[in-house]
C-alpha atoms as a PDB file:
ATOM      1  CA  MET A   1      66.347 172.154  92.202  1.00  0.00           C
ATOM      2  CA  HIS A   2      65.591 172.506  88.226  1.00  0.00           C
ATOM      3  CA  PRO A   3      62.050 173.859  87.656  1.00  0.00           C
ATOM      4  CA  THR A   4      61.236 170.865  85.518  1.00  0.00           C
ATOM      5  CA  VAL A   5      62.271 168.526  88.423  1.00  0.00           C
ATOM      6  CA  GLN A   6      59.993 170.574  90.756  1.00  0.00           C
ATOM      7  CA  GLN A   7      57.209 170.381  88.225  1.00  0.00           C
ATOM      8  CA  LEU A   8      57.553 166.473  87.929  1.00  0.00           C
ATOM      9  CA  ALA A   9      57.453 166.245  91.750  1.00  0.00           C
ATOM     10  CA  LEU A  10      54.267 168.172  91.885  1.00  0.00           C
ATOM     11  CA  GLN A  11      52.865 165.962  89.180  1.00  0.00           C
ATOM     12  CA  LEU A  12      53.793 162.833  90.977  1.00  0.00           C
ATOM     13  CA  ARG A  13      52.077 164.192  94.150  1.00  0.00           C
ATOM     14  CA  GLY A  14      49.100 165.175  92.279  1.00  0.00           C
ATOM     15  CA  LEU A  15      48.656 161.807  90.878  1.00  0.00           C
ATOM     16  CA  ARG A  16      49.069 160.220  94.099  1.00  0.00           C
ATOM     17  CA  LYS A  17      46.386 162.337  95.781  1.00  0.00           C
ATOM     18  CA  ASP A  18      43.989 161.957  92.728  1.00  0.00           C
ATOM     19  CA  ARG A  19      44.211 158.194  93.278  1.00  0.00           C
ATOM     20  CA  ALA A  20      43.507 158.618  97.052  1.00  0.00           C
ATOM     21  CA  ILE A  21      46.742 156.690  97.818  1.00  0.00           C
ATOM     22  CA  SER A  22      48.762 157.791 100.984  1.00  0.00           C
ATOM     23  CA  GLN A  23      52.454 158.228 100.872  1.00  0.00           C
ATOM     24  CA  ARG A  24      52.881 155.221 103.020  1.00  0.00           C
ATOM     25  CA  GLU A  25      50.802 152.978 100.848  1.00  0.00           C
ATOM     26  CA  LEU A  26      52.763 154.096  97.712  1.00  0.00           C
ATOM     27  CA  ALA A  27      56.050 153.581  99.460  1.00  0.00           C
ATOM     28  CA  GLU A  28      54.939 150.084 100.402  1.00  0.00           C
ATOM     29  CA  ARG A  29      53.927 149.228  97.090  1.00  0.00           C
ATOM     30  CA  ILE A  30      57.335 150.247  95.377  1.00  0.00           C
ATOM     31  CA  GLY A  31      59.597 149.199  98.338  1.00  0.00           C
ATOM     32  CA  LEU A  32      60.683 152.703  99.478  1.00  0.00           C
ATOM     33  CA  THR A  33      60.157 154.489 102.715  1.00  0.00           C
ATOM     34  CA  GLN A  34      57.438 157.181 103.297  1.00  0.00           C
ATOM     35  CA  THR A  35      60.162 159.527 104.221  1.00  0.00           C
ATOM     36  CA  GLN A  36      61.713 158.893 100.656  1.00  0.00           C
ATOM     37  CA  VAL A  37      58.361 159.365  98.833  1.00  0.00           C
ATOM     38  CA  SER A  38      57.845 162.629 100.736  1.00  0.00           C
ATOM     39  CA  ARG A  39      61.313 163.920  99.959  1.00  0.00           C
ATOM     40  CA  PHE A  40      60.806 163.111  96.262  1.00  0.00           C
ATOM     41  CA  GLU A  41      57.272 164.951  96.280  1.00  0.00           C
ATOM     42  CA  GLY A  42      58.566 167.920  98.061  1.00  0.00           C
ATOM     43  CA  GLY A  43      61.587 168.367  95.979  1.00  0.00           C
ATOM     44  CA  ARG A  44      63.931 167.891  98.594  1.00  0.00           C
ATOM     45  CA  ALA A  45      65.608 164.971  96.843  1.00  0.00           C
ATOM     46  CA  ASP A  46      66.485 164.182  93.359  1.00  0.00           C
ATOM     47  CA  LEU A  47      64.885 161.052  91.873  1.00  0.00           C
ATOM     48  CA  ARG A  48      66.992 158.338  90.231  1.00  0.00           C
ATOM     49  CA  LEU A  49      65.491 157.308  87.103  1.00  0.00           C
ATOM     50  CA  SER A  50      64.912 153.886  88.544  1.00  0.00           C
ATOM     51  CA  SER A  51      62.849 155.532  91.482  1.00  0.00           C
ATOM     52  CA  LEU A  52      60.980 157.473  88.985  1.00  0.00           C
ATOM     53  CA  VAL A  53      59.911 154.447  87.053  1.00  0.00           C
ATOM     54  CA  GLU A  54      59.096 152.639  90.240  1.00  0.00           C
ATOM     55  CA  ILE A  55      56.968 155.634  91.692  1.00  0.00           C
ATOM     56  CA  SER A  56      55.269 156.081  88.425  1.00  0.00           C
ATOM     57  CA  ARG A  57      54.190 152.168  87.938  1.00  0.00           C
ATOM     58  CA  GLY A  58      52.981 152.488  91.596  1.00  0.00           C
ATOM     59  CA  LEU A  59      50.695 155.230  90.409  1.00  0.00           C
ATOM     60  CA  GLY A  60      49.593 153.308  87.355  1.00  0.00           C
ATOM     61  CA  VAL A  61      51.381 155.512  84.792  1.00  0.00           C
ATOM     62  CA  GLU A  62      54.407 154.988  82.832  1.00  0.00           C
ATOM     63  CA  VAL A  63      57.335 157.281  81.986  1.00  0.00           C
ATOM     64  CA  MET A  64      57.884 157.667  78.352  1.00  0.00           C
ATOM     65  CA  LEU A  65      60.356 159.818  76.189  1.00  0.00           C
ATOM     66  CA  VAL A  66      58.336 161.951  73.629  1.00  0.00           C
ATOM     67  CA  PRO A  67      60.044 163.957  70.995  1.00  0.00           C
ATOM     68  CA  ARG A  68      59.557 167.620  71.999  1.00  0.00           C
ATOM     69  CA  ARG A  69      57.871 168.371  68.526  1.00  0.00           C
ATOM     70  CA  ARG A  70      55.301 165.522  69.395  1.00  0.00           C
ATOM     71  CA  VAL A  71      54.277 166.904  72.849  1.00  0.00           C
ATOM     72  CA  PRO A  72      51.448 168.940  71.400  1.00  0.00           C
ATOM     73  CA  ALA A  73      49.944 165.713  69.782  1.00  0.00           C
ATOM     74  CA  VAL A  74      50.313 163.901  73.100  1.00  0.00           C
ATOM     75  CA  LYS A  75      48.661 166.498  75.003  1.00  0.00           C
ATOM     76  CA  ALA A  76      45.798 166.585  72.360  1.00  0.00           C
ATOM     77  CA  LEU A  77      45.000 162.960  72.929  1.00  0.00           C
ATOM     78  CA  GLY A  78      41.825 163.987  74.485  1.00  0.00           C
ATOM     79  CA  LEU A  79      41.783 162.573  78.207  1.00  0.00           C
ATOM     80  CA  SER A  80      39.249 164.678  80.112  1.00  0.00           C
ATOM     81  CA  ARG A  81      40.026 166.175  83.334  1.00  0.00           C
ATOM     82  CA  SER A  82      37.531 163.906  84.956  1.00  0.00           C
ATOM     83  CA  ASP A  83      39.392 160.894  83.914  1.00  0.00           C
ATOM     84  CA  PRO A  84      41.694 159.987  86.722  1.00  0.00           C
ATOM     85  CA  ARG A  85      44.289 158.696  84.005  1.00  0.00           C
ATOM     86  CA  SER A  86      44.458 162.184  82.658  1.00  0.00           C
ATOM     87  CA  PRO A  87      47.784 163.812  83.040  1.00  0.00           C
ATOM     88  CA  ALA A  88      46.041 167.203  82.588  1.00  0.00           C
ATOM     89  CA  ARG A  89      44.889 166.919  86.291  1.00  0.00           C
ATOM     90  CA  THR A  90      48.220 167.956  87.595  1.00  0.00           C
ATOM     91  CA  PRO A  91      50.484 170.800  86.638  1.00  0.00           C
ATOM     92  CA  ASP A  92      51.774 170.722  83.067  1.00  0.00           C
ATOM     93  CA  ILE A  93      55.620 170.090  82.641  1.00  0.00           C
ATOM     94  CA  GLY A  94      55.802 170.788  78.928  1.00  0.00           C
END
Protein backbone atom coordinates (compact mmCIF):
# COMPACT_ATOMS: atom_id res chain seq x y z
CA MET A 1 0.00 0.00 0.00
CA HIS A 2 1.22 3.50 -0.83
CA PRO A 3 2.65 5.34 2.22
CA THR A 4 0.23 8.25 1.80
CA VAL A 5 -2.73 5.86 1.84
CA GLN A 6 -1.42 4.27 5.04
CA GLN A 7 -1.00 7.71 6.61
CA LEU A 8 -4.54 8.62 5.62
CA ALA A 9 -5.81 5.39 7.19
CA LEU A 10 -3.97 6.27 10.42
CA GLN A 11 -5.43 9.76 10.35
CA LEU A 12 -8.97 8.43 9.97
CA ARG A 13 -8.44 6.00 12.86
CA GLY A 14 -6.99 8.80 15.00
CA LEU A 15 -9.95 11.07 14.27
CA ARG A 16 -12.39 8.31 15.18
CA LYS A 17 -10.61 7.54 18.44
CA ASP A 18 -10.30 11.24 19.34
CA ARG A 19 -14.07 11.49 19.02
CA ALA A 20 -14.60 8.34 21.12
CA ILE A 21 -16.54 6.65 18.31
CA SER A 22 -16.32 2.88 17.95
CA GLN A 23 -15.76 1.29 14.56
CA ARG A 24 -19.23 -0.22 14.85
CA GLU A 25 -20.85 3.16 15.58
CA LEU A 26 -19.04 4.81 12.67
CA ALA A 27 -20.04 1.94 10.38
CA GLU A 28 -23.69 2.34 11.38
CA ARG A 29 -23.53 6.11 10.76
CA ILE A 30 -22.24 5.68 7.23
CA GLY A 31 -23.82 2.42 6.09
CA LEU A 32 -20.74 0.19 6.06
CA THR A 33 -19.87 -2.81 8.18
CA GLN A 34 -17.51 -2.69 11.15
CA THR A 35 -15.26 -5.08 9.22
CA GLN A 36 -15.01 -2.63 6.30
CA VAL A 37 -14.12 0.24 8.64
CA SER A 38 -11.51 -1.96 10.33
CA ARG A 39 -9.98 -2.94 6.98
CA PHE A 40 -9.80 0.69 5.83
CA GLU A 41 -8.23 1.86 9.09
CA GLY A 42 -5.76 -1.01 9.09
CA GLY A 43 -4.67 -0.32 5.54
CA ARG A 44 -5.88 -3.75 4.43
CA ALA A 45 -8.31 -2.34 1.86
CA ASP A 46 -8.13 0.62 -0.47
CA LEU A 47 -10.77 3.26 0.04
CA ARG A 48 -12.98 4.26 -2.83
CA LEU A 49 -13.36 8.01 -3.01
CA SER A 50 -17.04 7.71 -2.08
CA SER A 51 -16.13 5.68 1.03
CA LEU A 52 -13.48 8.22 2.02
CA VAL A 53 -16.03 11.02 1.76
CA GLU A 54 -18.62 9.09 3.80
CA ILE A 55 -16.14 8.09 6.52
CA SER A 56 -14.86 11.66 6.73
CA ARG A 57 -18.35 13.09 7.04
CA GLY A 58 -19.21 10.45 9.64
CA LEU A 59 -16.26 11.79 11.62
CA GLY A 60 -17.32 15.42 11.15
CA VAL A 61 -14.57 16.40 8.70
CA GLU A 62 -14.54 17.12 4.97
CA VAL A 63 -12.22 15.94 2.23
CA MET A 64 -10.79 18.87 0.31
CA LEU A 65 -8.21 19.25 -2.40
CA VAL A 66 -5.57 21.77 -1.44
CA PRO A 67 -2.96 22.95 -3.94
CA ARG A 68 0.38 21.63 -2.72
CA ARG A 69 1.83 25.13 -2.48
CA ARG A 70 -1.03 26.09 -0.12
CA VAL A 71 -0.56 23.20 2.32
CA PRO A 72 1.71 25.24 4.65
CA ALA A 73 -0.96 27.94 4.88
CA VAL A 74 -3.65 25.39 5.69
CA LYS A 75 -1.44 23.83 8.36
CA ALA A 76 -0.80 27.28 9.83
CA LEU A 77 -4.49 28.04 10.37
CA GLY A 78 -3.83 27.73 14.06
CA LEU A 79 -6.08 24.94 15.32
CA SER A 80 -4.60 23.89 18.64
CA ARG A 81 -3.78 20.32 19.54
CA SER A 82 -6.44 20.46 22.27
CA ASP A 83 -9.12 21.30 19.70
CA PRO A 84 -10.90 18.05 18.70
CA ARG A 85 -11.39 19.48 15.20
CA SER A 86 -7.67 19.82 14.73
CA PRO A 87 -6.07 17.63 12.07
CA ALA A 88 -2.78 18.12 13.90
CA ARG A 89 -3.87 15.51 16.48
CA THR A 90 -3.16 12.70 14.05
CA PRO A 91 -0.18 11.82 11.85
CA ASP A 92 0.68 14.42 9.25
CA ILE A 93 0.17 13.32 5.65
CA GLY A 94 1.74 16.43 4.13
